[in-house]
């Protein structure tokens, strides 16, 4: 089954610390900026990076593992709210109100 083969590739990549070279290759393509009149001008485009789905999926697996371990072993201070699950701007504001703006 295809899912089993992909899992085997991911496990091998994680064990060896190496990703297949083809998974790292990306193509850059132009994306039109909205509401521009003249698309013959290069500044009316922005570059977009297109990567292979398998490489992107493996990156997401690794990112999830790192995030899990960071939370499990408390590797970040409790006052760090950026890009963490179950943390938001509201939590940061609550912390400020409770700890910084005490009367």
PDB file of N, CA and C in Angstrom:
ATOM      1  N   UNK A   1       0.841  -1.180   0.000  1.00  0.00           N
ATOM      2  CA  UNK A   1       0.000   0.000   0.000  1.00  0.00           C
ATOM      3  C   UNK A   1       0.891   1.251   0.000  1.00  0.00           C
ATOM      4  N   UNK A   2       0.440   2.300  -0.654  1.00  0.00           N
ATOM      5  CA  UNK A   2       1.224   3.525  -0.801  1.00  0.00           C
ATOM      6  C   UNK A   2       1.524   4.182   0.541  1.00  0.00           C
ATOM      7  N   UNK A   3       0.549   4.215   1.444  1.00  0.00           N
ATOM      8  CA  UNK A   3       0.747   4.822   2.756  1.00  0.00           C
ATOM      9  C   UNK A   3       1.868   4.136   3.528  1.00  0.00           C
ATOM     10  N   UNK A   4       1.966   2.819   3.424  1.00  0.00           N
ATOM     11  CA  UNK A   4       3.033   2.079   4.109  1.00  0.00           C
ATOM     12  C   UNK A   4       4.404   2.427   3.534  1.00  0.00           C
ATOM     13  N   UNK A   5       4.469   2.601   2.237  1.00  0.00           N
ATOM     14  CA  UNK A   5       5.741   2.954   1.599  1.00  0.00           C
ATOM     15  C   UNK A   5       6.190   4.358   2.002  1.00  0.00           C
ATOM     16  N   UNK A   6       5.246   5.265   2.081  1.00  0.00           N
ATOM     17  CA  UNK A   6       5.571   6.635   2.492  1.00  0.00           C
ATOM     18  C   UNK A   6       6.023   6.644   3.951  1.00  0.00           C
ATOM     19  N   UNK A   7       5.333   5.873   4.788  1.00  0.00           N
ATOM     20  CA  UNK A   7       5.730   5.774   6.198  1.00  0.00           C
ATOM     21  C   UNK A   7       7.145   5.228   6.313  1.00  0.00           C
ATOM     22  N   UNK A   8       7.470   4.210   5.543  1.00  0.00           N
ATOM     23  CA  UNK A   8       8.815   3.632   5.552  1.00  0.00           C
ATOM     24  C   UNK A   8       9.847   4.679   5.143  1.00  0.00           C
ATOM     25  N   UNK A   9       9.546   5.470   4.125  1.00  0.00           N
ATOM     26  CA  UNK A   9      10.459   6.527   3.688  1.00  0.00           C
ATOM     27  C   UNK A   9      10.654   7.570   4.786  1.00  0.00           C
ATOM     28  N   UNK A  10       9.576   7.958   5.444  1.00  0.00           N
ATOM     29  CA  UNK A  10       9.660   8.949   6.525  1.00  0.00           C
ATOM     30  C   UNK A  10      10.494   8.425   7.686  1.00  0.00           C
ATOM     31  N   UNK A  11      10.245   7.176   8.078  1.00  0.00           N
ATOM     32  CA  UNK A  11      10.984   6.581   9.196  1.00  0.00           C
ATOM     33  C   UNK A  11      12.469   6.518   8.860  1.00  0.00           C
ATOM     34  N   UNK A  12      12.792   6.117   7.654  1.00  0.00           N
ATOM     35  CA  UNK A  12      14.200   6.042   7.234  1.00  0.00           C
ATOM     36  C   UNK A  12      14.835   7.429   7.250  1.00  0.00           C
ATOM     37  N   UNK A  13      14.107   8.414   6.759  1.00  0.00           N
ATOM     38  CA  UNK A  13      14.630   9.779   6.743  1.00  0.00           C
ATOM     39  C   UNK A  13      14.860  10.294   8.163  1.00  0.00           C
ATOM     40  N   UNK A  14      13.944   9.990   9.062  1.00  0.00           N
ATOM     41  CA  UNK A  14      14.089  10.439  10.445  1.00  0.00           C
ATOM     42  C   UNK A  14      15.222   9.717  11.160  1.00  0.00           C
ATOM     43  N   UNK A  15      15.388   8.426  10.898  1.00  0.00           N
ATOM     44  CA  UNK A  15      16.463   7.659  11.545  1.00  0.00           C
ATOM     45  C   UNK A  15      17.838   8.082  11.055  1.00  0.00           C
ATOM     46  N   UNK A  16      17.956   8.330   9.766  1.00  0.00           N
ATOM     47  CA  UNK A  16      19.260   8.689   9.195  1.00  0.00           C
ATOM     48  C   UNK A  16      19.539  10.177   9.261  1.00  0.00           C
ATOM     49  N   UNK A  17      18.478  10.966   9.427  1.00  0.00           N
ATOM     50  CA  UNK A  17      18.651  12.414   9.425  1.00  0.00           C
ATOM     51  C   UNK A  17      18.855  12.970   8.026  1.00  0.00           C
ATOM     52  N   UNK A  18      18.508  12.174   7.030  1.00  0.00           N
ATOM     53  CA  UNK A  18      18.687  12.607   5.636  1.00  0.00           C
ATOM     54  C   UNK A  18      17.375  12.486   4.885  1.00  0.00           C
ATOM     55  N   UNK A  19      17.129  13.504   4.077  1.00  0.00           N
ATOM     56  CA  UNK A  19      15.949  13.532   3.243  1.00  0.00           C
ATOM     57  C   UNK A  19      16.366  13.293   1.799  1.00  0.00           C
ATOM     58  N   UNK A  20      15.569  12.585   1.014  1.00  0.00           N
ATOM     59  CA  UNK A  20      15.912  12.431  -0.400  1.00  0.00           C
ATOM     60  C   UNK A  20      16.110  13.788  -1.068  1.00  0.00           C
ATOM     61  N   UNK A  21      17.142  13.891  -1.872  1.00  0.00           N
ATOM     62  CA  UNK A  21      17.489  15.160  -2.524  1.00  0.00           C
ATOM     63  C   UNK A  21      16.316  15.744  -3.302  1.00  0.00           C
ATOM     64  N   UNK A  22      15.546  14.891  -3.962  1.00  0.00           N
ATOM     65  CA  UNK A  22      14.425  15.371  -4.773  1.00  0.00           C
ATOM     66  C   UNK A  22      13.367  16.069  -3.912  1.00  0.00           C
ATOM     67  N   UNK A  23      13.271  15.685  -2.639  1.00  0.00           N
ATOM     68  CA  UNK A  23      12.286  16.305  -1.756  1.00  0.00           C
ATOM     69  C   UNK A  23      12.692  17.718  -1.381  1.00  0.00           C
ATOM     70  N   UNK A  24      13.963  18.040  -1.526  1.00  0.00           N
ATOM     71  CA  UNK A  24      14.461  19.366  -1.143  1.00  0.00           C
ATOM     72  C   UNK A  24      14.410  20.367  -2.290  1.00  0.00           C
ATOM     73  N   UNK A  25      14.258  19.875  -3.493  1.00  0.00           N
ATOM     74  CA  UNK A  25      14.251  20.742  -4.668  1.00  0.00           C
ATOM     75  C   UNK A  25      12.919  21.486  -4.731  1.00  0.00           C
ATOM     76  N   UNK A  26      13.009  22.763  -4.968  1.00  0.00           N
ATOM     77  CA  UNK A  26      11.799  23.579  -5.063  1.00  0.00           C
ATOM     78  C   UNK A  26      11.845  24.399  -6.350  1.00  0.00           C
ATOM     79  N   UNK A  27      10.703  24.712  -6.827  1.00  0.00           N
ATOM     80  CA  UNK A  27      10.586  25.574  -8.003  1.00  0.00           C
ATOM     81  C   UNK A  27       9.994  26.899  -7.547  1.00  0.00           C
ATOM     82  N   UNK A  28      10.501  27.963  -8.135  1.00  0.00           N
ATOM     83  CA  UNK A  28       9.968  29.285  -7.848  1.00  0.00           C
ATOM     84  C   UNK A  28       9.124  29.714  -9.034  1.00  0.00           C
ATOM     85  N   UNK A  29       7.906  30.111  -8.744  1.00  0.00           N
ATOM     86  CA  UNK A  29       7.015  30.566  -9.795  1.00  0.00           C
ATOM     87  C   UNK A  29       6.439  31.921  -9.453  1.00  0.00           C
ATOM     88  N   UNK A  30       6.005  32.660 -10.458  1.00  0.00           N
ATOM     89  CA  UNK A  30       5.438  33.981 -10.191  1.00  0.00           C
ATOM     90  C   UNK A  30       3.965  33.891  -9.794  1.00  0.00           C
ATOM     91  N   UNK A  31       3.567  34.750  -8.892  1.00  0.00           N
ATOM     92  CA  UNK A  31       2.174  34.860  -8.494  1.00  0.00           C
ATOM     93  C   UNK A  31       1.781  36.324  -8.641  1.00  0.00           C
ATOM     94  N   UNK A  32       0.705  36.554  -9.350  1.00  0.00           N
ATOM     95  CA  UNK A  32       0.269  37.940  -9.576  1.00  0.00           C
ATOM     96  C   UNK A  32      -0.171  38.599  -8.282  1.00  0.00           C
ATOM     97  N   UNK A  33       0.273  39.829  -8.082  1.00  0.00           N
ATOM     98  CA  UNK A  33      -0.216  40.624  -6.967  1.00  0.00           C
ATOM     99  C   UNK A  33      -1.598  41.136  -7.355  1.00  0.00           C
ATOM    100  N   UNK A  34      -2.533  41.144  -6.415  1.00  0.00           N
ATOM    101  CA  UNK A  34      -3.898  41.546  -6.761  1.00  0.00           C
ATOM    102  C   UNK A  34      -4.021  43.026  -7.116  1.00  0.00           C
ATOM    103  N   UNK A  35      -4.988  43.293  -7.940  1.00  0.00           N
ATOM    104  CA  UNK A  35      -5.389  44.663  -8.289  1.00  0.00           C
ATOM    105  C   UNK A  35      -4.273  45.469  -8.945  1.00  0.00           C
ATOM    106  N   UNK A  36      -3.486  44.820  -9.773  1.00  0.00           N
ATOM    107  CA  UNK A  36      -2.450  45.531 -10.528  1.00  0.00           C
ATOM    108  C   UNK A  36      -2.925  45.650 -11.965  1.00  0.00           C
ATOM    109  N   UNK A  37      -2.637  46.777 -12.575  1.00  0.00           N
ATOM    110  CA  UNK A  37      -3.133  47.019 -13.925  1.00  0.00           C
ATOM    111  C   UNK A  37      -2.249  46.406 -15.000  1.00  0.00           C
ATOM    112  N   UNK A  38      -0.940  46.503 -14.819  1.00  0.00           N
ATOM    113  CA  UNK A  38      -0.015  46.092 -15.875  1.00  0.00           C
ATOM    114  C   UNK A  38       0.827  44.910 -15.414  1.00  0.00           C
ATOM    115  N   UNK A  39       0.499  43.718 -15.910  1.00  0.00           N
ATOM    116  CA  UNK A  39       1.244  42.528 -15.513  1.00  0.00           C
ATOM    117  C   UNK A  39       2.467  42.266 -16.389  1.00  0.00           C
ATOM    118  N   UNK A  40       2.846  43.259 -17.194  1.00  0.00           N
ATOM    119  CA  UNK A  40       4.117  43.149 -17.920  1.00  0.00           C
ATOM    120  C   UNK A  40       5.258  43.696 -17.068  1.00  0.00           C
ATOM    121  N   UNK A  41       4.926  44.307 -15.923  1.00  0.00           N
ATOM    122  CA  UNK A  41       5.923  44.852 -15.001  1.00  0.00           C
ATOM    123  C   UNK A  41       6.258  43.787 -13.953  1.00  0.00           C
ATOM    124  N   UNK A  42       7.543  43.511 -13.793  1.00  0.00           N
ATOM    125  CA  UNK A  42       7.976  42.449 -12.887  1.00  0.00           C
ATOM    126  C   UNK A  42       7.559  42.698 -11.437  1.00  0.00           C
ATOM    127  N   UNK A  43       7.505  43.944 -10.999  1.00  0.00           N
ATOM    128  CA  UNK A  43       7.131  44.255  -9.619  1.00  0.00           C
ATOM    129  C   UNK A  43       5.674  43.938  -9.296  1.00  0.00           C
ATOM    130  N   UNK A  44       4.885  43.605 -10.306  1.00  0.00           N
ATOM    131  CA  UNK A  44       3.497  43.264 -10.078  1.00  0.00           C
ATOM    132  C   UNK A  44       3.309  41.769  -9.814  1.00  0.00           C
ATOM    133  N   UNK A  45       4.415  41.073  -9.612  1.00  0.00           N
ATOM    134  CA  UNK A  45       4.401  39.654  -9.266  1.00  0.00           C
ATOM    135  C   UNK A  45       5.201  39.455  -7.986  1.00  0.00           C
ATOM    136  N   UNK A  46       4.885  38.383  -7.278  1.00  0.00           N
ATOM    137  CA  UNK A  46       5.722  37.995  -6.149  1.00  0.00           C
ATOM    138  C   UNK A  46       6.095  36.531  -6.346  1.00  0.00           C
ATOM    139  N   UNK A  47       7.266  36.140  -5.866  1.00  0.00           N
ATOM    140  CA  UNK A  47       7.671  34.750  -6.049  1.00  0.00           C
ATOM    141  C   UNK A  47       6.942  33.836  -5.064  1.00  0.00           C
ATOM    142  N   UNK A  48       6.649  32.645  -5.515  1.00  0.00           N
ATOM    143  CA  UNK A  48       6.063  31.635  -4.647  1.00  0.00           C
ATOM    144  C   UNK A  48       6.904  30.376  -4.809  1.00  0.00           C
ATOM    145  N   UNK A  49       7.204  29.736  -3.701  1.00  0.00           N
ATOM    146  CA  UNK A  49       8.054  28.565  -3.688  1.00  0.00           C
ATOM    147  C   UNK A  49       7.181  27.318  -3.709  1.00  0.00           C
ATOM    148  N   UNK A  50       7.412  26.452  -4.669  1.00  0.00           N
ATOM    149  CA  UNK A  50       6.658  25.211  -4.795  1.00  0.00           C
ATOM    150  C   UNK A  50       7.573  24.045  -4.440  1.00  0.00           C
ATOM    151  N   UNK A  51       7.237  23.323  -3.377  1.00  0.00           N
ATOM    152  CA  UNK A  51       8.040  22.186  -2.939  1.00  0.00           C
ATOM    153  C   UNK A  51       7.225  20.908  -3.107  1.00  0.00           C
ATOM    154  N   UNK A  52       7.930  19.781  -3.178  1.00  0.00           N
ATOM    155  CA  UNK A  52       7.235  18.507  -3.301  1.00  0.00           C
ATOM    156  C   UNK A  52       6.419  18.227  -2.044  1.00  0.00           C
ATOM    157  N   UNK A  53       5.284  17.634  -2.219  1.00  0.00           N
ATOM    158  CA  UNK A  53       4.381  17.351  -1.097  1.00  0.00           C
ATOM    159  C   UNK A  53       5.020  16.440  -0.056  1.00  0.00           C
ATOM    160  N   UNK A  54       5.796  15.438  -0.481  1.00  0.00           N
ATOM    161  CA  UNK A  54       6.409  14.524   0.484  1.00  0.00           C
ATOM    162  C   UNK A  54       7.404  15.251   1.381  1.00  0.00           C
ATOM    163  N   UNK A  55       8.195  16.138   0.807  1.00  0.00           N
ATOM    164  CA  UNK A  55       9.143  16.909   1.602  1.00  0.00           C
ATOM    165  C   UNK A  55       8.434  17.812   2.587  1.00  0.00           C
ATOM    166  N   UNK A  56       7.374  18.450   2.150  1.00  0.00           N
ATOM    167  CA  UNK A  56       6.598  19.331   3.021  1.00  0.00           C
ATOM    168  C   UNK A  56       5.933  18.530   4.140  1.00  0.00           C
ATOM    169  N   UNK A  57       5.417  17.363   3.802  1.00  0.00           N
ATOM    170  CA  UNK A  57       4.773  16.517   4.814  1.00  0.00           C
ATOM    171  C   UNK A  57       5.781  16.085   5.875  1.00  0.00           C
ATOM    172  N   UNK A  58       6.982  15.711   5.451  1.00  0.00           N
ATOM    173  CA  UNK A  58       8.007  15.310   6.417  1.00  0.00           C
ATOM    174  C   UNK A  58       8.404  16.487   7.298  1.00  0.00           C
ATOM    175  N   UNK A  59       8.518  17.680   6.735  1.00  0.00           N
ATOM    176  CA  UNK A  59       8.808  18.875   7.529  1.00  0.00           C
ATOM    177  C   UNK A  59       7.739  19.091   8.596  1.00  0.00           C
ATOM    178  N   UNK A  60       6.483  18.882   8.246  1.00  0.00           N
ATOM    179  CA  UNK A  60       5.396  19.043   9.210  1.00  0.00           C
ATOM    180  C   UNK A  60       5.475  18.009  10.324  1.00  0.00           C
ATOM    181  N   UNK A  61       5.833  16.766   9.977  1.00  0.00           N
ATOM    182  CA  UNK A  61       5.992  15.716  10.989  1.00  0.00           C
ATOM    183  C   UNK A  61       7.086  16.112  11.977  1.00  0.00           C
ATOM    184  N   UNK A  62       8.217  16.575  11.464  1.00  0.00           N
ATOM    185  CA  UNK A  62       9.331  16.976  12.328  1.00  0.00           C
ATOM    186  C   UNK A  62       8.935  18.178  13.184  1.00  0.00           C
ATOM    187  N   UNK A  63       8.264  19.146  12.608  1.00  0.00           N
ATOM    188  CA  UNK A  63       7.828  20.325  13.362  1.00  0.00           C
ATOM    189  C   UNK A  63       6.880  19.930  14.496  1.00  0.00           C
ATOM    190  N   UNK A  64       5.973  19.002  14.231  1.00  0.00           N
ATOM    191  CA  UNK A  64       5.052  18.544  15.270  1.00  0.00           C
ATOM    192  C   UNK A  64       5.804  17.827  16.393  1.00  0.00           C
ATOM    193  N   UNK A  65       6.790  17.019  16.034  1.00  0.00           N
ATOM    194  CA  UNK A  65       7.585  16.321  17.052  1.00  0.00           C
ATOM    195  C   UNK A  65       8.346  17.308  17.928  1.00  0.00           C
ATOM    196  N   UNK A  66       8.949  18.301  17.288  1.00  0.00           N
ATOM    197  CA  UNK A  66       9.698  19.313  18.048  1.00  0.00           C
ATOM    198  C   UNK A  66       8.765  20.069  18.974  1.00  0.00           C
ATOM    199  N   UNK A  67       7.612  20.489  18.468  1.00  0.00           N
ATOM    200  CA  UNK A  67       6.653  21.230  19.289  1.00  0.00           C
ATOM    201  C   UNK A  67       6.201  20.384  20.480  1.00  0.00           C
ATOM    202  N   UNK A  68       5.966  19.104  20.260  1.00  0.00           N
ATOM    203  CA  UNK A  68       5.545  18.212  21.344  1.00  0.00           C
ATOM    204  C   UNK A  68       6.629  18.127  22.420  1.00  0.00           C
ATOM    205  N   UNK A  69       7.871  17.916  22.001  1.00  0.00           N
ATOM    206  CA  UNK A  69       8.971  17.773  22.960  1.00  0.00           C
ATOM    207  C   UNK A  69       9.236  19.074  23.715  1.00  0.00           C
ATOM    208  N   UNK A  70       9.113  20.194  23.026  1.00  0.00           N
ATOM    209  CA  UNK A  70       9.298  21.498  23.676  1.00  0.00           C
ATOM    210  C   UNK A  70       8.280  21.672  24.799  1.00  0.00           C
ATOM    211  N   UNK A  71       7.034  21.287  24.547  1.00  0.00           N
ATOM    212  CA  UNK A  71       5.998  21.410  25.566  1.00  0.00           C
ATOM    213  C   UNK A  71       6.175  20.363  26.663  1.00  0.00           C
ATOM    214  N   UNK A  72       6.484  19.132  26.290  1.00  0.00           N
ATOM    215  CA  UNK A  72       6.621  18.049  27.266  1.00  0.00           C
ATOM    216  C   UNK A  72       7.721  18.338  28.288  1.00  0.00           C
ATOM    217  N   UNK A  73       8.841  18.857  27.816  1.00  0.00           N
ATOM    218  CA  UNK A  73       9.986  19.089  28.697  1.00  0.00           C
ATOM    219  C   UNK A  73      10.148  20.556  29.116  1.00  0.00           C
ATOM    220  N   UNK A  74       9.098  21.353  28.875  1.00  0.00           N
ATOM    221  CA  UNK A  74       9.103  22.766  29.291  1.00  0.00           C
ATOM    222  C   UNK A  74      10.376  23.491  28.868  1.00  0.00           C
ATOM    223  N   UNK A  75      10.687  23.422  27.592  1.00  0.00           N
ATOM    224  CA  UNK A  75      11.917  24.026  27.078  1.00  0.00           C
ATOM    225  C   UNK A  75      11.782  25.515  26.781  1.00  0.00           C
ATOM    226  N   UNK A  76      10.577  26.027  26.827  1.00  0.00           N
ATOM    227  CA  UNK A  76      10.361  27.465  26.629  1.00  0.00           C
ATOM    228  C   UNK A  76       9.774  28.056  27.897  1.00  0.00           C
ATOM    229  N   UNK A  77      10.071  29.312  28.170  1.00  0.00           N
ATOM    230  CA  UNK A  77       9.471  29.929  29.352  1.00  0.00           C
ATOM    231  C   UNK A  77       7.956  30.041  29.202  1.00  0.00           C
ATOM    232  N   UNK A  78       7.276  30.054  30.319  1.00  0.00           N
ATOM    233  CA  UNK A  78       5.807  30.162  30.300  1.00  0.00           C
ATOM    234  C   UNK A  78       5.343  31.477  29.683  1.00  0.00           C
ATOM    235  N   UNK A  79       6.241  32.460  29.640  1.00  0.00           N
ATOM    236  CA  UNK A  79       5.888  33.772  29.086  1.00  0.00           C
ATOM    237  C   UNK A  79       6.086  33.845  27.578  1.00  0.00           C
ATOM    238  N   UNK A  80       6.490  32.752  26.950  1.00  0.00           N
ATOM    239  CA  UNK A  80       6.662  32.731  25.499  1.00  0.00           C
ATOM    240  C   UNK A  80       5.365  32.216  24.884  1.00  0.00           C
ATOM    241  N   UNK A  81       4.686  33.053  24.130  1.00  0.00           N
ATOM    242  CA  UNK A  81       3.363  32.709  23.614  1.00  0.00           C
ATOM    243  C   UNK A  81       3.342  32.477  22.094  1.00  0.00           C
ATOM    244  N   UNK A  82       4.389  32.870  21.412  1.00  0.00           N
ATOM    245  CA  UNK A  82       4.377  32.854  19.954  1.00  0.00           C
ATOM    246  C   UNK A  82       4.410  31.431  19.389  1.00  0.00           C
ATOM    247  N   UNK A  83       3.512  31.156  18.457  1.00  0.00           N
ATOM    248  CA  UNK A  83       3.468  29.903  17.696  1.00  0.00           C
ATOM    249  C   UNK A  83       3.434  28.669  18.588  1.00  0.00           C
ATOM    250  N   UNK A  84       2.646  28.733  19.651  1.00  0.00           N
ATOM    251  CA  UNK A  84       2.490  27.577  20.534  1.00  0.00           C
ATOM    252  C   UNK A  84       1.016  27.213  20.606  1.00  0.00           C
ATOM    253  N   UNK A  85       0.758  25.920  20.629  1.00  0.00           N
ATOM    254  CA  UNK A  85      -0.624  25.470  20.742  1.00  0.00           C
ATOM    255  C   UNK A  85      -1.161  25.849  22.109  1.00  0.00           C
ATOM    256  N   UNK A  86      -2.433  26.121  22.139  1.00  0.00           N
ATOM    257  CA  UNK A  86      -3.126  26.488  23.366  1.00  0.00           C
ATOM    258  C   UNK A  86      -2.621  27.817  23.951  1.00  0.00           C
ATOM    259  N   UNK A  87      -1.953  28.630  23.144  1.00  0.00           N
ATOM    260  CA  UNK A  87      -1.493  29.949  23.576  1.00  0.00           C
ATOM    261  C   UNK A  87      -1.963  30.958  22.540  1.00  0.00           C
ATOM    262  N   UNK A  88      -2.381  32.121  23.001  1.00  0.00           N
ATOM    263  CA  UNK A  88      -2.873  33.133  22.073  1.00  0.00           C
ATOM    264  C   UNK A  88      -2.527  34.517  22.591  1.00  0.00           C
ATOM    265  N   UNK A  89      -2.898  35.511  21.836  1.00  0.00           N
ATOM    266  CA  UNK A  89      -2.710  36.895  22.244  1.00  0.00           C
ATOM    267  C   UNK A  89      -3.481  37.179  23.528  1.00  0.00           C
ATOM    268  N   UNK A  90      -4.627  36.555  23.659  1.00  0.00           N
ATOM    269  CA  UNK A  90      -5.419  36.729  24.878  1.00  0.00           C
ATOM    270  C   UNK A  90      -4.651  36.243  26.102  1.00  0.00           C
ATOM    271  N   UNK A  91      -3.973  35.105  25.963  1.00  0.00           N
ATOM    272  CA  UNK A  91      -3.156  34.602  27.071  1.00  0.00           C
ATOM    273  C   UNK A  91      -2.028  35.576  27.409  1.00  0.00           C
ATOM    274  N   UNK A  92      -1.401  36.128  26.394  1.00  0.00           N
ATOM    275  CA  UNK A  92      -0.309  37.074  26.624  1.00  0.00           C
ATOM    276  C   UNK A  92      -0.832  38.320  27.330  1.00  0.00           C
ATOM    277  N   UNK A  93      -1.975  38.822  26.909  1.00  0.00           N
ATOM    278  CA  UNK A  93      -2.560  40.003  27.555  1.00  0.00           C
ATOM    279  C   UNK A  93      -2.958  39.711  29.001  1.00  0.00           C
ATOM    280  N   UNK A  94      -3.496  38.532  29.239  1.00  0.00           N
ATOM    281  CA  UNK A  94      -3.851  38.148  30.609  1.00  0.00           C
ATOM    282  C   UNK A  94      -2.613  38.111  31.488  1.00  0.00           C
ATOM    283  N   UNK A  95      -1.540  37.553  30.951  1.00  0.00           N
ATOM    284  CA  UNK A  95      -0.291  37.497  31.712  1.00  0.00           C
ATOM    285  C   UNK A  95       0.199  38.903  32.055  1.00  0.00           C
ATOM    286  N   UNK A  96       0.152  39.792  31.049  1.00  0.00           N
ATOM    287  CA  UNK A  96       0.581  41.181  31.291  1.00  0.00           C
ATOM    288  C   UNK A  96      -0.274  41.843  32.366  1.00  0.00           C
ATOM    289  N   UNK A  97      -1.566  41.665  32.277  1.00  0.00           N
ATOM    290  CA  UNK A  97      -2.457  42.294  33.249  1.00  0.00           C
ATOM    291  C   UNK A  97      -2.228  41.753  34.662  1.00  0.00           C
ATOM    292  N   UNK A  98      -1.992  40.453  34.761  1.00  0.00           N
ATOM    293  CA  UNK A  98      -1.800  39.834  36.080  1.00  0.00           C
ATOM    294  C   UNK A  98      -0.434  40.147  36.695  1.00  0.00           C
ATOM    295  N   UNK A  99       0.593  40.266  35.857  1.00  0.00           N
ATOM    296  CA  UNK A  99       1.946  40.341  36.386  1.00  0.00           C
ATOM    297  C   UNK A  99       2.642  41.692  36.216  1.00  0.00           C
ATOM    298  N   UNK A 100       2.298  42.414  35.188  1.00  0.00           N
ATOM    299  CA  UNK A 100       3.020  43.651  34.908  1.00  0.00           C
ATOM    300  C   UNK A 100       2.244  44.865  35.385  1.00  0.00           C
ATOM    301  N   UNK A 101       0.956  44.840  35.154  1.00  0.00           N
ATOM    302  CA  UNK A 101       0.149  46.015  35.452  1.00  0.00           C
ATOM    303  C   UNK A 101      -0.557  45.918  36.814  1.00  0.00           C
ATOM    304  N   UNK A 102       0.035  45.200  37.720  1.00  0.00           N
ATOM    305  CA  UNK A 102      -0.552  45.111  39.066  1.00  0.00           C
ATOM    306  C   UNK A 102      -0.527  46.481  39.722  1.00  0.00           C
ATOM    307  N   UNK A 103      -1.599  46.808  40.393  1.00  0.00           N
ATOM    308  CA  UNK A 103      -1.686  48.123  41.030  1.00  0.00           C
ATOM    309  C   UNK A 103      -1.044  48.113  42.404  1.00  0.00           C
TER     310      UNK A 103
END
